[in-house]
Amino acid sequence: MSLGNSAQGPERTRVAVIGLGSIGGVIAGLLAALERHDVVACVRRPIERLTVERSEGAIEVRLRALTDPAEAKPVAWVLLCTKTHETPSTAPWLRRLCGAQTRLAVLQNGIGHADRLAPFVGQASVVPTIVYYNGERLGPDRVRFRRAGENDFAVSDDPDGRACASLLDGTSMRILRSPDFKTLAWRKLLLNTIANPITALTLQRRAVFRREDVQALFLAILDEAHRSDAPMARGSPRMNRSNCWRRSSPIRPTPTPRCISIGWQADLLRSKR
């Protein structure tokens, strides 16, 4: 295990991570372990160290934490890792952390990140992302990182997206830079619309998709979502039913079941034991 984030230097990038749950904990730990960024966690309760469990071995990092937005100062990068519906509650942090030169990477589900964040970030640049990796919060200072497909992360193949990929360079994240980011975002939204309710209602991990009746339900929900009023879902040639089904491999059956990207579900399953 290694301890990181200890050296100091003017070339270091200042990064603030808002929300240290399953997704935020993984990204904060991997960035801090690079020892070239000054990473601060914006949290409700103080934390001094963070452990990230990975298949290739756990890492442990020292992590500076702030619990009061009044103590925050503008940084080069803000990583917003809360749930989408919690975005308004992060406004005090965003107003303190975001300056004219700040880039804000949004590690949230959904679409329309820039419009949703516009009231809170001033002149900062909003960088939409798609999170594919699975994070599981094991405790206040420990998370588990699992891969859920061939890519862990996706960004748009534009200057802001490429800057985000560069920020993560050196971590174990496999990052897709896509010129068709909008289609990927809608596809992820459709898959979440299908997988999340099925796994939540059955209290099962993704192995439940091995069942033929659940696979039929999967396709039925996909058809319903595809017939929605969402212009992109209806209009994109890449959003057809068969394409979405083929691209759903991260949540469909595999010989070795793994968790889909729902940290709260893992907590619930543990509480049932």
Protein backbone atom coordinates (compact mmCIF):
# COMPACT_ATOMS: atom_id res chain seq x y z
CA MET A 1 0.00 0.00 0.00
CA SER A 2 1.24 3.51 -0.75
CA LEU A 3 0.74 6.86 0.87
CA GLY A 4 0.28 9.75 -1.51
CA ASN A 5 -0.47 13.46 -1.73
CA SER A 6 2.43 14.40 0.50
CA ALA A 7 4.81 16.34 -1.72
CA GLN A 8 4.40 20.02 -2.49
CA GLY A 9 5.29 22.01 -5.59
CA PRO A 10 4.04 24.93 -7.72
CA GLU A 11 3.34 22.67 -10.69
CA ARG A 12 0.76 20.63 -8.79
CA THR A 13 -2.86 20.85 -9.94
CA ARG A 14 -5.40 21.82 -7.29
CA VAL A 15 -8.41 19.51 -7.43
CA ALA A 16 -11.53 19.60 -5.26
CA VAL A 17 -13.82 16.57 -5.06
CA ILE A 18 -17.35 17.32 -3.87
CA GLY A 19 -18.92 14.18 -2.46
CA LEU A 20 -16.82 11.29 -1.18
CA GLY A 21 -19.23 8.44 -1.74
CA SER A 22 -18.70 5.44 -3.98
CA ILE A 23 -17.86 7.39 -7.15
CA GLY A 24 -16.12 10.35 -5.53
CA GLY A 25 -14.09 8.17 -3.19
CA VAL A 26 -12.63 6.16 -6.05
CA ILE A 27 -11.69 9.14 -8.18
CA ALA A 28 -10.28 11.11 -5.22
CA GLY A 29 -8.14 8.19 -4.12
CA LEU A 30 -6.76 7.45 -7.59
CA LEU A 31 -5.92 11.11 -8.21
CA ALA A 32 -4.28 11.57 -4.81
CA ALA A 33 -2.16 8.44 -5.36
CA LEU A 34 -0.54 10.07 -8.41
CA GLU A 35 1.20 12.52 -6.04
CA ARG A 36 1.09 15.30 -8.63
CA HIS A 37 -2.22 16.86 -7.59
CA ASP A 38 -3.29 18.67 -4.44
CA VAL A 39 -6.59 16.91 -3.80
CA VAL A 40 -9.09 18.19 -1.27
CA ALA A 41 -12.34 16.45 -0.37
CA CYS A 42 -15.39 18.63 0.31
CA VAL A 43 -17.36 16.57 2.79
CA ARG A 44 -19.74 16.67 5.75
CA ARG A 45 -17.39 14.88 8.15
CA PRO A 46 -13.58 15.18 8.32
CA ILE A 47 -11.39 12.43 6.94
CA GLU A 48 -7.59 12.05 7.01
CA ARG A 49 -6.95 8.96 4.89
CA LEU A 50 -8.74 7.06 2.20
CA THR A 51 -8.28 3.47 1.02
CA VAL A 52 -9.31 2.33 -2.47
CA GLU A 53 -9.58 -1.42 -2.96
CA ARG A 54 -8.73 -2.57 -6.50
CA SER A 55 -8.17 -5.90 -8.17
CA GLU A 56 -4.50 -5.00 -8.65
CA GLY A 57 -4.07 -4.08 -4.96
CA ALA A 58 -5.33 -1.51 -2.49
CA ILE A 59 -3.95 2.01 -2.27
CA GLU A 60 -4.05 4.25 0.77
CA VAL A 61 -3.66 8.02 0.52
CA ARG A 62 -3.58 10.96 2.84
CA LEU A 63 -6.46 13.25 2.00
CA ARG A 64 -7.12 16.81 3.09
CA ALA A 65 -10.78 17.44 3.83
CA LEU A 66 -12.88 20.57 4.19
CA THR A 67 -16.23 20.56 5.96
CA ASP A 68 -17.02 24.27 5.68
CA PRO A 69 -17.45 25.91 2.24
CA ALA A 70 -16.20 29.19 3.72
CA GLU A 71 -12.72 27.63 3.90
CA ALA A 72 -12.65 26.75 0.19
CA LYS A 73 -10.76 28.72 -2.47
CA PRO A 74 -10.88 28.55 -6.27
CA VAL A 75 -9.17 25.53 -7.80
CA ALA A 76 -8.21 24.39 -11.28
CA TRP A 77 -10.58 21.41 -11.25
CA VAL A 78 -13.77 20.61 -9.36
CA LEU A 79 -15.12 17.06 -9.59
CA LEU A 80 -18.81 16.99 -8.68
CA CYS A 81 -19.59 13.46 -7.47
CA THR A 82 -22.89 13.83 -5.62
CA LYS A 83 -26.20 12.40 -6.75
CA THR A 84 -27.91 14.52 -9.38
CA HIS A 85 -30.78 15.54 -7.10
CA GLU A 86 -28.26 16.82 -4.54
CA THR A 87 -26.79 19.37 -6.94
CA PRO A 88 -28.53 22.45 -5.42
CA SER A 89 -27.12 21.58 -1.98
CA THR A 90 -23.57 21.85 -3.40
CA ALA A 91 -24.08 25.50 -4.40
CA PRO A 92 -22.08 26.93 -1.43
CA TRP A 93 -19.10 24.77 -2.39
CA LEU A 94 -19.36 25.56 -6.09
CA ARG A 95 -19.51 29.31 -5.55
CA ARG A 96 -16.31 29.21 -3.50
CA LEU A 97 -14.37 26.71 -5.61
CA CYS A 98 -15.21 27.91 -9.12
CA GLY A 99 -13.37 30.76 -10.77
CA ALA A 100 -13.05 31.95 -14.33
CA GLN A 101 -10.26 29.42 -15.03
CA THR A 102 -11.92 26.49 -13.25
CA ARG A 103 -13.11 23.39 -15.05
CA LEU A 104 -15.97 21.51 -13.39
CA ALA A 105 -16.19 17.82 -14.29
CA VAL A 106 -19.66 16.45 -13.56
CA LEU A 107 -19.54 12.80 -12.47
CA GLN A 108 -23.31 12.38 -12.28
CA ASN A 109 -25.91 10.38 -14.13
CA GLY A 110 -28.25 12.05 -16.54
CA ILE A 111 -27.95 14.61 -19.30
CA GLY A 112 -27.95 18.41 -19.53
CA HIS A 113 -25.08 18.85 -17.06
CA ALA A 114 -24.12 22.31 -18.29
CA ASP A 115 -27.65 23.70 -18.04
CA ARG A 116 -28.16 22.17 -14.60
CA LEU A 117 -24.92 23.64 -13.20
CA ALA A 118 -25.06 27.04 -14.90
CA PRO A 119 -26.77 28.85 -11.97
CA PHE A 120 -24.03 27.83 -9.55
CA VAL A 121 -20.65 28.01 -11.34
CA GLY A 122 -20.27 31.52 -12.75
CA GLN A 123 -17.66 31.59 -15.53
CA ALA A 124 -16.30 28.10 -14.85
CA SER A 125 -16.35 25.59 -17.71
CA VAL A 126 -18.67 22.62 -17.19
CA VAL A 127 -17.22 19.32 -18.45
CA PRO A 128 -19.83 16.55 -18.79
CA THR A 129 -18.61 13.01 -18.19
CA ILE A 130 -20.03 9.49 -18.23
CA VAL A 131 -19.05 7.20 -15.37
CA TYR A 132 -19.01 3.51 -16.23
CA TYR A 133 -16.95 2.16 -13.35
CA ASN A 134 -18.50 0.68 -10.24
CA GLY A 135 -17.71 2.23 -6.89
CA GLU A 136 -18.80 0.68 -3.62
CA ARG A 137 -18.53 2.58 -0.36
CA LEU A 138 -17.33 0.18 2.33
CA GLY A 139 -16.94 2.76 5.08
CA PRO A 140 -16.30 6.49 5.63
CA ASP A 141 -12.65 6.05 4.58
CA ARG A 142 -12.76 2.98 2.32
CA VAL A 143 -14.19 2.34 -1.16
CA ARG A 144 -13.95 -0.46 -3.70
CA PHE A 145 -13.27 0.10 -7.40
CA ARG A 146 -14.55 -2.40 -9.96
CA ARG A 147 -14.55 -2.23 -13.72
CA ALA A 148 -17.91 -2.59 -15.42
CA GLY A 149 -16.91 -2.73 -19.09
CA GLU A 150 -14.15 -1.91 -21.52
CA ASN A 151 -14.16 1.78 -20.48
CA ASP A 152 -14.32 3.27 -17.00
CA PHE A 153 -15.02 6.82 -18.05
CA ALA A 154 -16.09 8.79 -21.13
CA VAL A 155 -15.61 12.41 -22.11
CA SER A 156 -16.26 14.43 -25.21
CA ASP A 157 -13.39 14.60 -27.69
CA ASP A 158 -13.06 18.37 -27.37
CA PRO A 159 -10.57 20.61 -25.50
CA ASP A 160 -12.34 20.33 -22.15
CA GLY A 161 -12.84 16.59 -22.48
CA ARG A 162 -9.22 16.04 -23.45
CA ALA A 163 -8.12 18.17 -20.48
CA CYS A 164 -10.19 15.95 -18.20
CA ALA A 165 -8.57 12.86 -19.68
CA SER A 166 -5.14 14.41 -19.10
CA LEU A 167 -6.05 15.10 -15.47
CA LEU A 168 -6.69 11.39 -15.00
CA ASP A 169 -3.62 10.29 -16.96
CA GLY A 170 -1.60 7.88 -14.87
CA THR A 171 -4.53 6.48 -12.95
CA SER A 172 -5.86 3.05 -13.85
CA MET A 173 -8.95 4.64 -15.44
CA ARG A 174 -9.61 3.58 -19.03
CA ILE A 175 -10.98 6.72 -20.64
CA LEU A 176 -12.97 6.96 -23.86
CA ARG A 177 -12.79 10.25 -25.75
CA SER A 178 -15.79 10.28 -28.04
CA PRO A 179 -16.85 12.68 -30.81
CA ASP A 180 -20.42 11.40 -30.25
CA PHE A 181 -20.65 12.02 -26.52
CA LYS A 182 -24.33 13.00 -26.68
CA THR A 183 -25.37 9.59 -27.98
CA LEU A 184 -23.29 7.85 -25.30
CA ALA A 185 -24.95 9.96 -22.60
CA TRP A 186 -28.44 9.09 -23.83
CA ARG A 187 -27.53 5.42 -24.10
CA LYS A 188 -26.26 5.40 -20.50
CA LEU A 189 -29.47 7.13 -19.40
CA LEU A 190 -31.58 4.47 -21.12
CA LEU A 191 -29.57 1.65 -19.55
CA ASN A 192 -29.91 3.24 -16.10
CA THR A 193 -33.65 3.54 -16.69
CA ILE A 194 -33.76 -0.20 -17.25
CA ALA A 195 -31.20 -1.65 -14.86
CA ASN A 196 -31.75 0.48 -11.77
CA PRO A 197 -35.44 -0.28 -11.14
CA ILE A 198 -35.03 -4.00 -11.89
CA THR A 199 -32.11 -4.47 -9.50
CA ALA A 200 -33.72 -2.23 -6.88
CA LEU A 201 -37.07 -4.02 -6.92
CA THR A 202 -35.54 -7.51 -6.97
CA LEU A 203 -32.77 -6.64 -4.47
CA GLN A 204 -30.40 -8.50 -6.78
CA ARG A 205 -27.12 -7.64 -8.38
CA ARG A 206 -26.76 -7.85 -12.14
CA ALA A 207 -26.76 -11.66 -12.16
CA VAL A 208 -30.56 -11.33 -12.16
CA PHE A 209 -30.27 -10.50 -15.88
CA ARG A 210 -29.40 -14.14 -16.54
CA ARG A 211 -33.08 -14.97 -16.22
CA GLU A 212 -34.95 -15.08 -19.51
CA ASP A 213 -38.03 -13.40 -18.07
CA VAL A 214 -35.89 -10.54 -16.74
CA GLN A 215 -34.21 -10.20 -20.13
CA ALA A 216 -37.67 -9.92 -21.71
CA LEU A 217 -38.56 -7.25 -19.14
CA PHE A 218 -35.30 -5.48 -19.96
CA LEU A 219 -36.27 -5.23 -23.63
CA ALA A 220 -39.84 -4.18 -22.84
CA ILE A 221 -38.62 -1.27 -20.70
CA LEU A 222 -36.09 -0.38 -23.38
CA ASP A 223 -38.88 -0.20 -25.97
CA GLU A 224 -40.96 2.01 -23.69
CA ALA A 225 -38.03 4.34 -23.00
CA HIS A 226 -37.16 4.49 -26.69
CA ARG A 227 -40.72 5.58 -27.49
CA SER A 228 -40.43 8.49 -25.06
CA ASP A 229 -40.53 12.11 -26.09
CA ALA A 230 -36.77 12.49 -25.70
CA PRO A 231 -35.65 13.93 -29.07
CA MET A 232 -32.25 12.34 -28.94
CA ALA A 233 -33.64 8.90 -28.09
CA ARG A 234 -36.00 9.10 -31.06
CA GLY A 235 -33.76 10.88 -33.51
CA SER A 236 -30.31 9.41 -33.27
CA PRO A 237 -29.53 6.60 -35.73
CA ARG A 238 -27.28 5.09 -33.04
CA MET A 239 -30.05 4.84 -30.45
CA ASN A 240 -32.03 2.01 -32.00
CA ARG A 241 -33.20 -0.98 -29.95
CA SER A 242 -30.65 -3.52 -31.15
CA ASN A 243 -27.77 -1.10 -30.69
CA CYS A 244 -28.78 -0.35 -27.11
CA TRP A 245 -29.14 -4.07 -26.36
CA ARG A 246 -25.68 -4.83 -27.74
CA ARG A 247 -24.20 -1.94 -25.77
CA SER A 248 -25.83 -3.10 -22.53
CA SER A 249 -23.15 -5.76 -21.95
CA PRO A 250 -21.83 -4.05 -18.77
CA ILE A 251 -25.10 -4.95 -17.00
CA ARG A 252 -26.07 -8.17 -18.79
CA PRO A 253 -25.09 -11.65 -17.63
CA THR A 254 -21.46 -12.70 -17.44
CA PRO A 255 -19.93 -15.92 -16.11
CA THR A 256 -18.74 -14.05 -13.02
CA PRO A 257 -21.41 -11.67 -11.69
CA ARG A 258 -20.24 -8.24 -10.73
CA CYS A 259 -21.98 -5.28 -9.19
CA ILE A 260 -23.57 -2.69 -11.43
CA SER A 261 -22.78 0.92 -10.61
CA ILE A 262 -25.21 1.42 -7.73
CA GLY A 263 -23.37 2.00 -4.48
CA TRP A 264 -26.50 2.40 -2.37
CA GLN A 265 -27.73 -0.98 -3.58
CA ALA A 266 -24.60 -2.67 -2.28
CA ASP A 267 -25.18 -1.02 1.11
CA LEU A 268 -28.76 -2.27 1.11
CA LEU A 269 -27.75 -5.81 0.20
CA ARG A 270 -25.20 -5.89 3.02
CA SER A 271 -27.82 -4.69 5.50
CA LYS A 272 -30.07 -7.62 4.55
CA ARG A 273 -27.47 -10.21 5.52
